C-alpha cells in the first residue's frame, strides 16, 4: 500500500473519533465542525477538478459526507435522550422530596 494512503486512513480514523466525541458535547456546533469541513473540502475538491468529477468519485464523497452527518445526528439524539432521562430523574426526586415534607408536616 502507498504511504500516503495509510496516512489518509489514519487521519480519517482520528477525525471520526474526534467527531464522535465532539458530537456528544452540550453545544451541537462542536460536533458539526468536522462534517462541515469535510463537506466544504468535498465541494472544493470536486469543483476545482483536483479529483476528476466522475460518478464513482461523487458517490465516494457523498458516502463519506452521509456517514459523518448521520453520526452527528445520531450522537445529538443520544445526547438529548440522556439529558431528558436526567431531567426526568431529577423531577422524580423532587416529587419524592416534596411528598416526604408533606408527610412530616402532617405528623
N, C-alpha and C. Protein backbone atom coordinates (compact mmCIF):
# COMPACT_ATOMS: atom_id res chain seq x y z
N UNK A 1 0.83 -1.19 0.00
CA UNK A 1 0.00 0.00 0.00
C UNK A 1 0.87 1.25 0.00
N UNK A 2 0.34 2.26 -0.57
CA UNK A 2 1.02 3.55 -0.65
C UNK A 2 1.03 4.22 0.72
N UNK A 3 2.13 4.86 1.06
CA UNK A 3 2.27 5.50 2.37
C UNK A 3 1.24 6.62 2.57
N UNK A 4 0.98 7.41 1.53
CA UNK A 4 0.02 8.50 1.65
C UNK A 4 -1.40 7.96 1.88
N UNK A 5 -1.68 6.78 1.32
CA UNK A 5 -3.00 6.17 1.54
C UNK A 5 -3.16 5.79 3.01
N UNK A 6 -2.12 5.21 3.59
CA UNK A 6 -2.18 4.83 5.01
C UNK A 6 -2.31 6.06 5.90
N UNK A 7 -1.61 7.12 5.56
CA UNK A 7 -1.72 8.36 6.34
C UNK A 7 -3.14 8.91 6.23
N UNK A 8 -3.71 8.85 5.04
CA UNK A 8 -5.09 9.32 4.85
C UNK A 8 -6.07 8.51 5.68
N UNK A 9 -5.89 7.20 5.72
CA UNK A 9 -6.76 6.34 6.53
C UNK A 9 -6.61 6.69 8.01
N UNK A 10 -5.39 6.93 8.46
CA UNK A 10 -5.16 7.31 9.86
C UNK A 10 -5.81 8.63 10.21
N UNK A 11 -5.68 9.61 9.34
CA UNK A 11 -6.31 10.90 9.58
C UNK A 11 -7.83 10.76 9.61
N UNK A 12 -8.37 9.97 8.71
CA UNK A 12 -9.82 9.75 8.69
C UNK A 12 -10.30 9.07 9.97
N UNK A 13 -9.56 8.08 10.43
CA UNK A 13 -9.94 7.38 11.66
C UNK A 13 -9.90 8.32 12.86
N UNK A 14 -8.84 9.11 12.97
CA UNK A 14 -8.72 10.05 14.09
C UNK A 14 -9.83 11.09 14.04
N UNK A 15 -10.12 11.61 12.85
CA UNK A 15 -11.17 12.62 12.75
C UNK A 15 -12.54 12.04 13.08
N UNK A 16 -12.78 10.77 12.76
CA UNK A 16 -14.06 10.14 13.12
C UNK A 16 -14.19 10.01 14.64
N UNK A 17 -13.11 9.63 15.30
CA UNK A 17 -13.13 9.51 16.77
C UNK A 17 -13.36 10.87 17.41
N UNK A 18 -12.65 11.88 16.92
CA UNK A 18 -12.80 13.24 17.46
C UNK A 18 -14.23 13.75 17.22
N UNK A 19 -14.76 13.49 16.04
CA UNK A 19 -16.11 13.94 15.71
C UNK A 19 -17.14 13.26 16.61
N UNK A 20 -16.96 11.97 16.86
CA UNK A 20 -17.89 11.24 17.73
C UNK A 20 -17.87 11.81 19.14
N UNK A 21 -16.69 12.17 19.64
CA UNK A 21 -16.59 12.77 20.96
C UNK A 21 -17.23 14.16 20.99
N UNK A 22 -16.90 14.97 20.00
CA UNK A 22 -17.41 16.35 19.97
C UNK A 22 -18.92 16.40 19.80
N UNK A 23 -19.48 15.45 19.09
CA UNK A 23 -20.93 15.44 18.87
C UNK A 23 -21.69 15.17 20.17
N UNK A 24 -21.02 14.60 21.16
CA UNK A 24 -21.69 14.31 22.43
C UNK A 24 -21.61 15.48 23.41
N UNK A 25 -20.93 16.54 23.04
CA UNK A 25 -20.82 17.70 23.91
C UNK A 25 -22.13 18.48 23.93
N UNK A 26 -22.26 19.35 24.93
CA UNK A 26 -23.50 20.10 25.11
C UNK A 26 -23.81 20.98 23.89
N UNK A 27 -22.81 21.66 23.38
CA UNK A 27 -23.02 22.55 22.25
C UNK A 27 -22.94 21.75 20.94
N UNK A 28 -24.00 21.73 20.13
CA UNK A 28 -24.01 20.92 18.92
C UNK A 28 -23.04 21.40 17.84
N UNK A 29 -22.58 22.63 17.94
CA UNK A 29 -21.69 23.17 16.93
C UNK A 29 -20.36 22.41 16.90
N UNK A 30 -19.85 22.02 18.07
CA UNK A 30 -18.56 21.31 18.12
C UNK A 30 -18.59 20.03 17.30
N UNK A 31 -19.68 19.30 17.38
CA UNK A 31 -19.77 18.05 16.63
C UNK A 31 -20.01 18.27 15.15
N UNK A 32 -20.47 19.45 14.77
CA UNK A 32 -20.75 19.73 13.37
C UNK A 32 -19.57 20.32 12.61
N UNK A 33 -18.50 20.65 13.31
CA UNK A 33 -17.35 21.28 12.66
C UNK A 33 -16.70 20.34 11.64
N UNK A 34 -16.41 19.11 12.04
CA UNK A 34 -15.73 18.19 11.12
C UNK A 34 -16.62 17.84 9.92
N UNK A 35 -17.91 17.51 10.11
CA UNK A 35 -18.74 17.27 8.92
C UNK A 35 -18.82 18.48 7.99
N UNK A 36 -18.87 19.69 8.55
CA UNK A 36 -18.90 20.89 7.71
C UNK A 36 -17.59 21.06 6.94
N UNK A 37 -16.47 20.82 7.61
CA UNK A 37 -15.18 20.92 6.93
C UNK A 37 -15.05 19.88 5.82
N UNK A 38 -15.51 18.67 6.09
CA UNK A 38 -15.44 17.61 5.08
C UNK A 38 -16.35 17.94 3.90
N UNK A 39 -17.53 18.47 4.19
CA UNK A 39 -18.44 18.87 3.11
C UNK A 39 -17.82 19.97 2.26
N UNK A 40 -17.25 20.98 2.90
CA UNK A 40 -16.61 22.07 2.17
C UNK A 40 -15.43 21.56 1.35
N UNK A 41 -14.62 20.68 1.93
CA UNK A 41 -13.48 20.12 1.22
C UNK A 41 -13.93 19.27 0.03
N UNK A 42 -15.00 18.51 0.22
CA UNK A 42 -15.52 17.69 -0.87
C UNK A 42 -15.99 18.55 -2.04
N UNK A 43 -16.72 19.59 -1.72
CA UNK A 43 -17.20 20.50 -2.77
C UNK A 43 -16.01 21.16 -3.47
N UNK A 44 -15.04 21.61 -2.69
CA UNK A 44 -13.87 22.27 -3.27
C UNK A 44 -13.10 21.31 -4.19
N UNK A 45 -12.86 20.10 -3.71
CA UNK A 45 -12.08 19.13 -4.48
C UNK A 45 -12.78 18.79 -5.79
N UNK A 46 -14.09 18.57 -5.72
CA UNK A 46 -14.82 18.21 -6.94
C UNK A 46 -15.00 19.41 -7.87
N UNK A 47 -15.20 20.61 -7.31
CA UNK A 47 -15.44 21.79 -8.14
C UNK A 47 -14.18 22.27 -8.84
N UNK A 48 -13.03 22.14 -8.19
CA UNK A 48 -11.79 22.63 -8.79
C UNK A 48 -11.12 21.60 -9.69
N UNK A 49 -11.61 20.39 -9.68
CA UNK A 49 -11.02 19.37 -10.55
C UNK A 49 -9.79 18.70 -9.97
N UNK A 50 -9.55 18.85 -8.69
CA UNK A 50 -8.41 18.18 -8.05
C UNK A 50 -8.54 16.67 -8.22
N UNK A 51 -9.76 16.20 -8.17
CA UNK A 51 -10.10 14.81 -8.49
C UNK A 51 -11.12 14.89 -9.61
N UNK A 52 -10.96 14.07 -10.60
CA UNK A 52 -11.87 14.10 -11.75
C UNK A 52 -13.30 13.84 -11.28
N UNK A 53 -14.20 14.66 -11.77
CA UNK A 53 -15.61 14.54 -11.38
C UNK A 53 -16.25 13.40 -12.19
N UNK A 54 -16.26 12.25 -11.57
CA UNK A 54 -16.90 11.06 -12.17
C UNK A 54 -17.95 10.58 -11.19
N UNK A 55 -18.77 9.70 -11.65
CA UNK A 55 -19.82 9.17 -10.79
C UNK A 55 -19.23 8.46 -9.57
N UNK A 56 -18.17 7.71 -9.76
CA UNK A 56 -17.57 6.98 -8.63
C UNK A 56 -17.00 7.94 -7.59
N UNK A 57 -16.29 8.98 -8.04
CA UNK A 57 -15.73 9.92 -7.06
C UNK A 57 -16.85 10.67 -6.34
N UNK A 58 -17.91 11.01 -7.06
CA UNK A 58 -19.05 11.68 -6.43
C UNK A 58 -19.70 10.78 -5.39
N UNK A 59 -19.88 9.50 -5.72
CA UNK A 59 -20.50 8.56 -4.78
C UNK A 59 -19.63 8.38 -3.54
N UNK A 60 -18.32 8.33 -3.70
CA UNK A 60 -17.41 8.18 -2.55
C UNK A 60 -17.52 9.39 -1.63
N UNK A 61 -17.48 10.59 -2.20
CA UNK A 61 -17.60 11.80 -1.37
C UNK A 61 -19.00 11.89 -0.74
N UNK A 62 -20.02 11.50 -1.47
CA UNK A 62 -21.38 11.51 -0.93
C UNK A 62 -21.49 10.55 0.25
N UNK A 63 -20.95 9.35 0.10
CA UNK A 63 -20.98 8.35 1.17
C UNK A 63 -20.25 8.86 2.41
N UNK A 64 -19.07 9.43 2.21
CA UNK A 64 -18.29 9.97 3.33
C UNK A 64 -19.08 11.03 4.09
N UNK A 65 -19.69 11.94 3.35
CA UNK A 65 -20.46 13.00 3.99
C UNK A 65 -21.70 12.46 4.68
N UNK A 66 -22.38 11.51 4.07
CA UNK A 66 -23.57 10.93 4.71
C UNK A 66 -23.22 10.21 6.00
N UNK A 67 -22.10 9.50 6.02
CA UNK A 67 -21.67 8.79 7.24
C UNK A 67 -21.38 9.79 8.36
N UNK A 68 -20.66 10.86 8.03
CA UNK A 68 -20.33 11.85 9.06
C UNK A 68 -21.58 12.57 9.58
N UNK A 69 -22.46 12.97 8.68
CA UNK A 69 -23.68 13.67 9.13
C UNK A 69 -24.60 12.73 9.91
N UNK A 70 -24.68 11.47 9.50
CA UNK A 70 -25.51 10.52 10.23
C UNK A 70 -24.96 10.30 11.63
N UNK A 71 -23.64 10.23 11.75
CA UNK A 71 -23.02 10.08 13.07
C UNK A 71 -23.30 11.28 13.96
N UNK A 72 -23.26 12.47 13.39
CA UNK A 72 -23.54 13.68 14.17
C UNK A 72 -25.00 13.69 14.62
N UNK A 73 -25.92 13.37 13.73
CA UNK A 73 -27.35 13.37 14.08
C UNK A 73 -27.63 12.32 15.15
N UNK A 74 -27.08 11.13 14.99
CA UNK A 74 -27.28 10.06 15.98
C UNK A 74 -26.73 10.46 17.35
N UNK A 75 -25.56 11.04 17.36
CA UNK A 75 -24.96 11.47 18.64
C UNK A 75 -25.79 12.56 19.30
N UNK A 76 -26.34 13.49 18.53
CA UNK A 76 -27.19 14.54 19.10
C UNK A 76 -28.46 13.94 19.69
N UNK A 77 -29.05 12.95 18.99
CA UNK A 77 -30.25 12.32 19.52
C UNK A 77 -29.96 11.57 20.82
N UNK A 78 -28.82 10.89 20.88
CA UNK A 78 -28.43 10.20 22.12
C UNK A 78 -28.22 11.21 23.25
N UNK A 79 -27.60 12.34 22.95
CA UNK A 79 -27.36 13.37 23.97
C UNK A 79 -28.69 13.89 24.49
N UNK A 80 -29.64 14.15 23.58
CA UNK A 80 -30.94 14.67 24.01
C UNK A 80 -31.69 13.66 24.87
N UNK A 81 -31.63 12.37 24.51
CA UNK A 81 -32.28 11.33 25.30
C UNK A 81 -31.65 11.23 26.69
N UNK A 82 -30.33 11.31 26.74
CA UNK A 82 -29.63 11.25 28.03
C UNK A 82 -30.00 12.44 28.90
N UNK A 83 -30.06 13.61 28.29
CA UNK A 83 -30.40 14.82 29.01
C UNK A 83 -31.84 14.75 29.53
N UNK A 84 -32.75 14.23 28.71
CA UNK A 84 -34.16 14.09 29.12
C UNK A 84 -34.29 13.08 30.26
N UNK A 85 -33.55 11.98 30.20
CA UNK A 85 -33.58 10.99 31.27
C UNK A 85 -33.09 11.58 32.59
N UNK A 86 -32.03 12.38 32.53
CA UNK A 86 -31.53 13.03 33.74
C UNK A 86 -32.55 14.01 34.30
N UNK A 87 -33.21 14.75 33.44
CA UNK A 87 -34.23 15.70 33.87
C UNK A 87 -35.42 14.98 34.50
N UNK A 88 -35.85 13.89 33.89
CA UNK A 88 -36.95 13.10 34.46
C UNK A 88 -36.58 12.53 35.83
N UNK A 89 -35.34 12.10 35.96
CA UNK A 89 -34.87 11.58 37.24
C UNK A 89 -34.88 12.66 38.31
N UNK A 90 -34.45 13.87 37.93
CA UNK A 90 -34.45 14.98 38.88
C UNK A 90 -35.87 15.36 39.28
N UNK A 91 -36.81 15.36 38.33
CA UNK A 91 -38.20 15.67 38.64
C UNK A 91 -38.79 14.64 39.58
N UNK A 92 -38.49 13.36 39.34
CA UNK A 92 -38.99 12.31 40.21
C UNK A 92 -38.43 12.47 41.62
N UNK A 93 -37.17 12.83 41.73
CA UNK A 93 -36.55 13.05 43.04
C UNK A 93 -37.21 14.22 43.76
N UNK A 94 -37.50 15.29 43.01
CA UNK A 94 -38.17 16.45 43.60
C UNK A 94 -39.56 16.08 44.12
N UNK A 95 -40.29 15.26 43.36
CA UNK A 95 -41.62 14.83 43.79
C UNK A 95 -41.53 14.00 45.06
N UNK A 96 -40.55 13.10 45.13
CA UNK A 96 -40.38 12.28 46.33
C UNK A 96 -40.04 13.14 47.54
N UNK A 97 -39.19 14.14 47.35
CA UNK A 97 -38.80 15.02 48.44
C UNK A 97 -39.99 15.83 48.94
N UNK A 98 -40.83 16.32 48.02
CA UNK A 98 -41.98 17.12 48.44
C UNK A 98 -43.01 16.25 49.17
N UNK A 99 -43.17 15.00 48.77
CA UNK A 99 -44.10 14.10 49.46
C UNK A 99 -43.62 13.81 50.88
N UNK A 100 -42.31 13.65 51.04
CA UNK A 100 -41.75 13.40 52.37
C UNK A 100 -41.97 14.60 53.28
N UNK A 101 -41.80 15.81 52.75
CA UNK A 101 -42.01 17.02 53.54
C UNK A 101 -43.46 17.14 53.97
N UNK A 102 -44.39 16.81 53.07
CA UNK A 102 -45.80 16.88 53.40
C UNK A 102 -46.18 15.88 54.48
N UNK A 103 -45.61 14.67 54.40
CA UNK A 103 -45.91 13.65 55.41
C UNK A 103 -45.34 14.06 56.77
N UNK A 104 -44.21 14.74 56.81
CA UNK A 104 -43.62 15.18 58.06
C UNK A 104 -44.46 16.32 58.65
N UNK A 105 -45.03 17.18 57.81
CA UNK A 105 -45.86 18.28 58.30
C UNK A 105 -47.14 17.74 58.91
N UNK A 106 -47.69 16.67 58.36
CA UNK A 106 -48.94 16.10 58.88
C UNK A 106 -48.73 15.47 60.25
N UNK A 107 -47.56 14.99 60.53
CA UNK A 107 -47.30 14.34 61.82
C UNK A 107 -47.07 15.36 62.84
